[in-house]
Amino acid sequence: MEDTEDTITPSSPTAYTAIYQLIYWKRYKEALVETEKLLREDPHDPDPYALYGQIFLLMGDNGKAIHWVNEALRRDPENHLGWYVRVSAYYEADNETAFNEAVSEALRIDPYEAHYYFLKANQHIKKGKHALAKAQMEIALDLEPEKPIYLAILCYIEALLGNDEVSKALDRQAIRYDAEQPDVLMYLAWAAARRGDYKLQETYMRSSIRLNPDDKQYQNEYLESLQHNFLLYRVCLWPNKLFRKMKPWQILVVWAVCWLLFKPLVLVFIALHILAHWSTKAIIHVRVFGWRRRRS
């Protein structure tokens, strides 16, 4: 009888390793084909369903991702990968209610998954709740203290909170662990901009677009970083540096007083701000892309 101890079957760890290698290479259609083999071999195994959903999530198809992880969770209500993909899919779909429900259940099942705290922090950032975002990222970093993207996001949050020295220290730490991840560099660029270090912002965005040249968000962020080379644009941004150190009610009072006492000057400043933004944006576009329209 043939010895089967070393036989590689589709359901063996080797099969999953091969699929994740295809995912790493972004060969998603091939990864789907390989995952389908696992589904056919054992229709009762929840893991291939969850993996199938994960691939669709990476392809940007949140609807199919949620459908397949639901199949995984129907077979195993506490499947870790299934919950990971469900939470991520609802986050990407910007379905806040479903996300909050899913992440609460996912954390009950797997309280040591740092990614959930990372996503919760990003949600708080979107709402301007920077202190709450910081608390979530600190939990994520307790679980994965050397993850560059987590350090970069906390660096950005500290800059948003006005803690510039702490932000700079986190910047150095994140770069020490990995200077070749475009998303890490983008968060560090945002943090540098919040601190008023526009030269560093441009340096980081130049590196990030070199690593990911076809992504439109990176293109836009790089073009924006180049705008800071213009004196008029930096002058118009000066109040932002002042306002970020103030509380919301203080900003409201300052604007109200300025509007009542210096209405013409406020209107002139707003007009200059708009002029500086669009004129420098146009100049940068011509320098980078020439007189042709940029391809989307």
Foldseek 3Di string as FASTA:
>chain_A
DDDCPPPDDLPDVVVVVVLVVCVVVVVLVVSLVSLVSVCVVDVLALVSLLVNLVSVVVVVNLVSSLVSLVSSCVSPVLPLSSLVSQLVSCLSVVVVVSNVVSLVVNCVSPVLPLVSLQSVLVVCVVVVNLVSSLVSLVSSCVSVVQALQSLLQNLLSCLLQVVPVSSVVSLVSSVVSPLQALNSLQSNLNSCVSVVNLVSSLVSLVNSCVNVVPDVVSVVSNLVSVLVVDPLQVVLCVVVNVCSNDDPVVVVVVVVVCCVPPVVVVVVSVVSNVVSVVVSSVVSCCVVPNPDDDDD
